[in-house]
C-alpha atoms as a PDB file:
ATOM      1  CA  MET A   1      44.866  -9.655  15.795  1.00  0.00           C
ATOM      2  CA  ALA A   2      44.863  -9.898  12.076  1.00  0.00           C
ATOM      3  CA  ALA A   3      42.765 -12.941  12.170  1.00  0.00           C
ATOM      4  CA  ARG A   4      40.101 -11.289  14.309  1.00  0.00           C
ATOM      5  CA  THR A   5      40.156  -8.213  11.879  1.00  0.00           C
ATOM      6  CA  ASP A   6      39.669 -10.669   8.756  1.00  0.00           C
ATOM      7  CA  THR A   7      36.767 -12.316  10.610  1.00  0.00           C
ATOM      8  CA  ALA A   8      35.247  -8.862  11.587  1.00  0.00           C
ATOM      9  CA  HIS A   9      35.489  -7.896   7.829  1.00  0.00           C
ATOM     10  CA  ALA A  10      34.080 -11.139   6.667  1.00  0.00           C
ATOM     11  CA  THR A  11      31.095 -10.745   9.062  1.00  0.00           C
ATOM     12  CA  GLU A  12      30.496  -7.165   7.850  1.00  0.00           C
ATOM     13  CA  ALA A  13      30.839  -8.438   4.251  1.00  0.00           C
ATOM     14  CA  ALA A  14      28.265 -11.224   4.922  1.00  0.00           C
ATOM     15  CA  ASP A  15      25.923  -8.965   6.818  1.00  0.00           C
ATOM     16  CA  ALA A  16      26.012  -6.329   3.939  1.00  0.00           C
ATOM     17  CA  ALA A  17      25.228  -9.080   1.324  1.00  0.00           C
ATOM     18  CA  LEU A  18      22.432 -10.350   3.522  1.00  0.00           C
ATOM     19  CA  THR A  19      20.987  -6.711   3.597  1.00  0.00           C
ATOM     20  CA  ARG A  20      21.173  -6.331  -0.114  1.00  0.00           C
ATOM     21  CA  GLU A  21      19.424  -9.655  -0.631  1.00  0.00           C
ATOM     22  CA  VAL A  22      16.729  -8.745   1.636  1.00  0.00           C
ATOM     23  CA  VAL A  23      16.422  -5.247  -0.007  1.00  0.00           C
ATOM     24  CA  ASP A  24      16.191  -6.931  -3.633  1.00  0.00           C
ATOM     25  CA  LEU A  25      13.720  -9.397  -2.509  1.00  0.00           C
ATOM     26  CA  ILE A  26      11.478  -6.615  -1.010  1.00  0.00           C
ATOM     27  CA  ALA A  27      11.906  -4.608  -4.145  1.00  0.00           C
ATOM     28  CA  SER A  28      10.810  -7.795  -6.249  1.00  0.00           C
ATOM     29  CA  ILE A  29       7.699  -8.214  -3.923  1.00  0.00           C
ATOM     30  CA  VAL A  30       6.626  -4.573  -4.280  1.00  0.00           C
ATOM     31  CA  SER A  31       7.038  -4.636  -8.153  1.00  0.00           C
ATOM     32  CA  ARG A  32       5.223  -7.923  -8.479  1.00  0.00           C
ATOM     33  CA  TYR A  33       2.469  -6.531  -6.206  1.00  0.00           C
ATOM     34  CA  HIS A  34       2.255  -3.347  -8.285  1.00  0.00           C
ATOM     35  CA  GLU A  35       1.989  -5.342 -11.546  1.00  0.00           C
ATOM     36  CA  GLU A  36      -0.654  -7.289 -10.129  1.00  0.00           C
ATOM     37  CA  TYR A  37      -2.745  -4.422  -8.613  1.00  0.00           C
ATOM     38  CA  GLU A  38      -2.481  -2.386 -11.921  1.00  0.00           C
ATOM     39  CA  ALA A  39      -3.873  -5.428 -13.852  1.00  0.00           C
ATOM     40  CA  ALA A  40      -6.604  -6.033 -11.176  1.00  0.00           C
ATOM     41  CA  ALA A  41      -7.441  -2.300 -11.348  1.00  0.00           C
ATOM     42  CA  ALA A  42      -7.762  -2.483 -14.964  1.00  0.00           C
ATOM     43  CA  GLN A  43     -10.327  -5.050 -14.912  1.00  0.00           C
ATOM     44  CA  TYR A  44     -12.633  -2.516 -13.457  1.00  0.00           C
ATOM     45  CA  GLY A  45     -11.606   0.188 -15.835  1.00  0.00           C
ATOM     46  CA  LEU A  46      -9.635   1.984 -13.134  1.00  0.00           C
ATOM     47  CA  THR A  47      -5.845   3.256 -12.883  1.00  0.00           C
ATOM     48  CA  GLY A  48      -3.693   1.839 -10.122  1.00  0.00           C
ATOM     49  CA  ALA A  49      -3.965   5.365  -8.443  1.00  0.00           C
ATOM     50  CA  GLN A  50      -7.672   5.284  -8.758  1.00  0.00           C
ATOM     51  CA  ALA A  51      -7.940   1.938  -7.149  1.00  0.00           C
ATOM     52  CA  ARG A  52      -5.669   2.923  -4.425  1.00  0.00           C
ATOM     53  CA  VAL A  53      -7.799   6.113  -3.532  1.00  0.00           C
ATOM     54  CA  LEU A  54     -10.999   4.027  -3.879  1.00  0.00           C
ATOM     55  CA  ALA A  55      -9.455   1.417  -1.344  1.00  0.00           C
ATOM     56  CA  LEU A  56      -8.650   4.257   1.132  1.00  0.00           C
ATOM     57  CA  LEU A  57     -12.145   5.578   0.777  1.00  0.00           C
ATOM     58  CA  ALA A  58     -13.831   2.208   1.188  1.00  0.00           C
ATOM     59  CA  ARG A  59     -12.257   1.892   4.724  1.00  0.00           C
ATOM     60  CA  GLU A  60     -13.248   5.443   5.771  1.00  0.00           C
ATOM     61  CA  PRO A  61     -14.201   8.934   4.362  1.00  0.00           C
ATOM     62  CA  LEU A  62     -11.122  11.162   4.143  1.00  0.00           C
ATOM     63  CA  PRO A  63     -10.486  14.843   3.312  1.00  0.00           C
ATOM     64  CA  MET A  64      -8.304  15.401   0.062  1.00  0.00           C
ATOM     65  CA  ARG A  65      -5.366  16.356   2.039  1.00  0.00           C
ATOM     66  CA  ARG A  66      -5.203  13.149   4.217  1.00  0.00           C
ATOM     67  CA  ILE A  67      -5.760  10.963   0.871  1.00  0.00           C
ATOM     68  CA  ALA A  68      -2.575  12.928  -0.549  1.00  0.00           C
ATOM     69  CA  GLU A  69      -0.712  12.563   2.721  1.00  0.00           C
ATOM     70  CA  GLN A  70      -1.445   8.628   2.512  1.00  0.00           C
ATOM     71  CA  LEU A  71      -0.480   8.349  -1.173  1.00  0.00           C
ATOM     72  CA  LYS A  72       2.530  10.763  -0.739  1.00  0.00           C
ATOM     73  CA  CYS A  73       1.155  12.918  -3.753  1.00  0.00           C
ATOM     74  CA  GLU A  74       0.027  16.475  -4.329  1.00  0.00           C
ATOM     75  CA  PRO A  75      -3.621  17.177  -3.315  1.00  0.00           C
ATOM     76  CA  SER A  76      -4.322  18.499  -6.883  1.00  0.00           C
ATOM     77  CA  ASN A  77      -3.581  14.829  -8.158  1.00  0.00           C
ATOM     78  CA  VAL A  78      -6.108  13.457  -5.457  1.00  0.00           C
ATOM     79  CA  THR A  79      -8.650  16.203  -6.712  1.00  0.00           C
ATOM     80  CA  GLY A  80      -8.550  14.652 -10.295  1.00  0.00           C
ATOM     81  CA  ILE A  81      -8.630  11.067  -9.235  1.00  0.00           C
ATOM     82  CA  VAL A  82     -11.840  11.870  -6.917  1.00  0.00           C
ATOM     83  CA  ASP A  83     -13.223  13.740  -9.823  1.00  0.00           C
ATOM     84  CA  ARG A  84     -13.038  10.754 -12.147  1.00  0.00           C
ATOM     85  CA  LEU A  85     -14.137   8.328  -9.325  1.00  0.00           C
ATOM     86  CA  GLU A  86     -17.128  10.553  -8.669  1.00  0.00           C
ATOM     87  CA  ALA A  87     -18.074  10.800 -12.238  1.00  0.00           C
ATOM     88  CA  ARG A  88     -18.433   6.926 -12.393  1.00  0.00           C
ATOM     89  CA  GLY A  89     -20.548   6.858  -9.140  1.00  0.00           C
ATOM     90  CA  LEU A  90     -17.946   5.315  -7.154  1.00  0.00           C
ATOM     91  CA  VAL A  91     -17.193   8.190  -4.808  1.00  0.00           C
ATOM     92  CA  GLU A  92     -18.976  11.136  -3.470  1.00  0.00           C
ATOM     93  CA  ARG A  93     -17.930  14.263  -1.614  1.00  0.00           C
ATOM     94  CA  ARG A  94     -19.819  15.081   1.400  1.00  0.00           C
ATOM     95  CA  PRO A  95     -19.339  17.571   4.464  1.00  0.00           C
ATOM     96  CA  ASP A  96     -17.191  16.386   7.350  1.00  0.00           C
ATOM     97  CA  PRO A  97     -19.401  15.681  10.293  1.00  0.00           C
ATOM     98  CA  ALA A  98     -16.695  16.925  12.402  1.00  0.00           C
ATOM     99  CA  ASP A  99     -16.295  20.114  10.532  1.00  0.00           C
ATOM    100  CA  ARG A 100     -19.017  21.123   8.082  1.00  0.00           C
ATOM    101  CA  ARG A 101     -16.747  23.525   6.374  1.00  0.00           C
ATOM    102  CA  VAL A 102     -14.395  20.718   5.189  1.00  0.00           C
ATOM    103  CA  LYS A 103     -15.438  18.300   2.499  1.00  0.00           C
ATOM    104  CA  VAL A 104     -14.419  14.792   2.470  1.00  0.00           C
ATOM    105  CA  ALA A 105     -14.538  11.974  -0.114  1.00  0.00           C
ATOM    106  CA  ALA A 106     -16.280   8.721   0.618  1.00  0.00           C
ATOM    107  CA  ALA A 107     -16.718   5.650  -1.185  1.00  0.00           C
ATOM    108  CA  THR A 108     -20.383   4.857  -2.440  1.00  0.00           C
ATOM    109  CA  GLU A 109     -22.003   1.648  -2.041  1.00  0.00           C
ATOM    110  CA  ALA A 110     -20.799   0.818  -5.600  1.00  0.00           C
ATOM    111  CA  GLY A 111     -17.343   1.939  -4.802  1.00  0.00           C
ATOM    112  CA  ALA A 112     -17.152   0.009  -1.699  1.00  0.00           C
ATOM    113  CA  GLN A 113     -18.186  -3.236  -3.510  1.00  0.00           C
ATOM    114  CA  THR A 114     -15.590  -2.649  -6.463  1.00  0.00           C
ATOM    115  CA  ALA A 115     -13.053  -2.085  -3.769  1.00  0.00           C
ATOM    116  CA  ASP A 116     -13.898  -5.242  -2.099  1.00  0.00           C
ATOM    117  CA  ARG A 117     -13.991  -7.352  -5.465  1.00  0.00           C
ATOM    118  CA  LEU A 118     -10.770  -5.727  -6.479  1.00  0.00           C
ATOM    119  CA  ARG A 119      -9.121  -6.701  -3.278  1.00  0.00           C
ATOM    120  CA  SER A 120     -10.459 -10.222  -3.264  1.00  0.00           C
ATOM    121  CA  GLY A 121      -8.948 -10.820  -6.819  1.00  0.00           C
ATOM    122  CA  LEU A 122      -5.579  -9.882  -5.714  1.00  0.00           C
ATOM    123  CA  THR A 123      -3.881 -13.424  -5.369  1.00  0.00           C
ATOM    124  CA  PHE A 124      -0.176 -12.633  -5.530  1.00  0.00           C
ATOM    125  CA  ALA A 125       0.499 -11.889  -1.829  1.00  0.00           C
ATOM    126  CA  ARG A 126      -2.338 -14.239  -0.539  1.00  0.00           C
ATOM    127  CA  GLU A 127      -1.365 -17.505  -1.975  1.00  0.00           C
ATOM    128  CA  PRO A 128       2.229 -17.466  -1.018  1.00  0.00           C
ATOM    129  CA  LEU A 129       1.147 -16.107   2.584  1.00  0.00           C
ATOM    130  CA  ALA A 130      -1.304 -18.989   2.894  1.00  0.00           C
ATOM    131  CA  GLY A 131       1.820 -21.220   2.764  1.00  0.00           C
ATOM    132  CA  LEU A 132       3.152 -19.850   5.979  1.00  0.00           C
ATOM    133  CA  SER A 133       1.739 -20.675   9.293  1.00  0.00           C
ATOM    134  CA  ALA A 134      -0.243 -18.304  11.405  1.00  0.00           C
ATOM    135  CA  GLN A 135       2.971 -17.946  13.515  1.00  0.00           C
ATOM    136  CA  GLU A 136       5.099 -17.045  10.661  1.00  0.00           C
ATOM    137  CA  ARG A 137       2.534 -14.583   9.284  1.00  0.00           C
ATOM    138  CA  ARG A 138       2.516 -12.742  12.576  1.00  0.00           C
ATOM    139  CA  ALA A 139       6.100 -12.762  12.815  1.00  0.00           C
ATOM    140  CA  LEU A 140       6.413 -11.368   9.344  1.00  0.00           C
ATOM    141  CA  ARG A 141       3.633  -8.672  10.034  1.00  0.00           C
ATOM    142  CA  ASP A 142       5.394  -7.634  13.342  1.00  0.00           C
ATOM    143  CA  LEU A 143       8.848  -7.274  11.327  1.00  0.00           C
ATOM    144  CA  LEU A 144       7.341  -5.298   8.636  1.00  0.00           C
ATOM    145  CA  ARG A 145       5.568  -3.095  11.228  1.00  0.00           C
ATOM    146  CA  ARG A 146       8.736  -2.493  13.210  1.00  0.00           C
ATOM    147  CA  MET A 147      10.596  -1.747   9.670  1.00  0.00           C
ATOM    148  CA  LEU A 148       7.829   0.972   8.873  1.00  0.00           C
ATOM    149  CA  ASP A 149       8.149   2.580  12.317  1.00  0.00           C
ATOM    150  CA  MET A 150      11.836   3.022  12.005  1.00  0.00           C
ATOM    151  CA  PRO A 151      12.810   6.587  11.267  1.00  0.00           C
ATOM    152  CA  ALA A 152      14.229   6.853   7.649  1.00  0.00           C
ATOM    153  CA  GLY A 153      18.052   6.949   7.572  1.00  0.00           C
END
């Protein structure tokens, strides 16, 4: 019985160590991505937050509330960011086609081009991912999606 308990404790300790290592690796990847993203944004005279908003709006026009939800920040912060992007001609406000009472922010042509150039300049993740097979990238994608779909505990 004692041997079984020792084995169970050793397995639990190994599992905990593995989980810590995975968490540390994810944290390192996130940190390196943010560093590169900030540097790439600065090349275009943008802050990281401005670049993230521009990237969202290059995909689709969004109301301020949805931008704030996606960035996990206050709508008032988003308003200031959009104001600065609009002043540079990268974003415009327009009525929402679904509800003309609501304004959406949308990337201008110049904003979409800037977002594309910024995205293509990010090499940190692309280069290591290129070393994985398509099957490995799909498996990684599926695991990350599964992690994101899990409820926060």
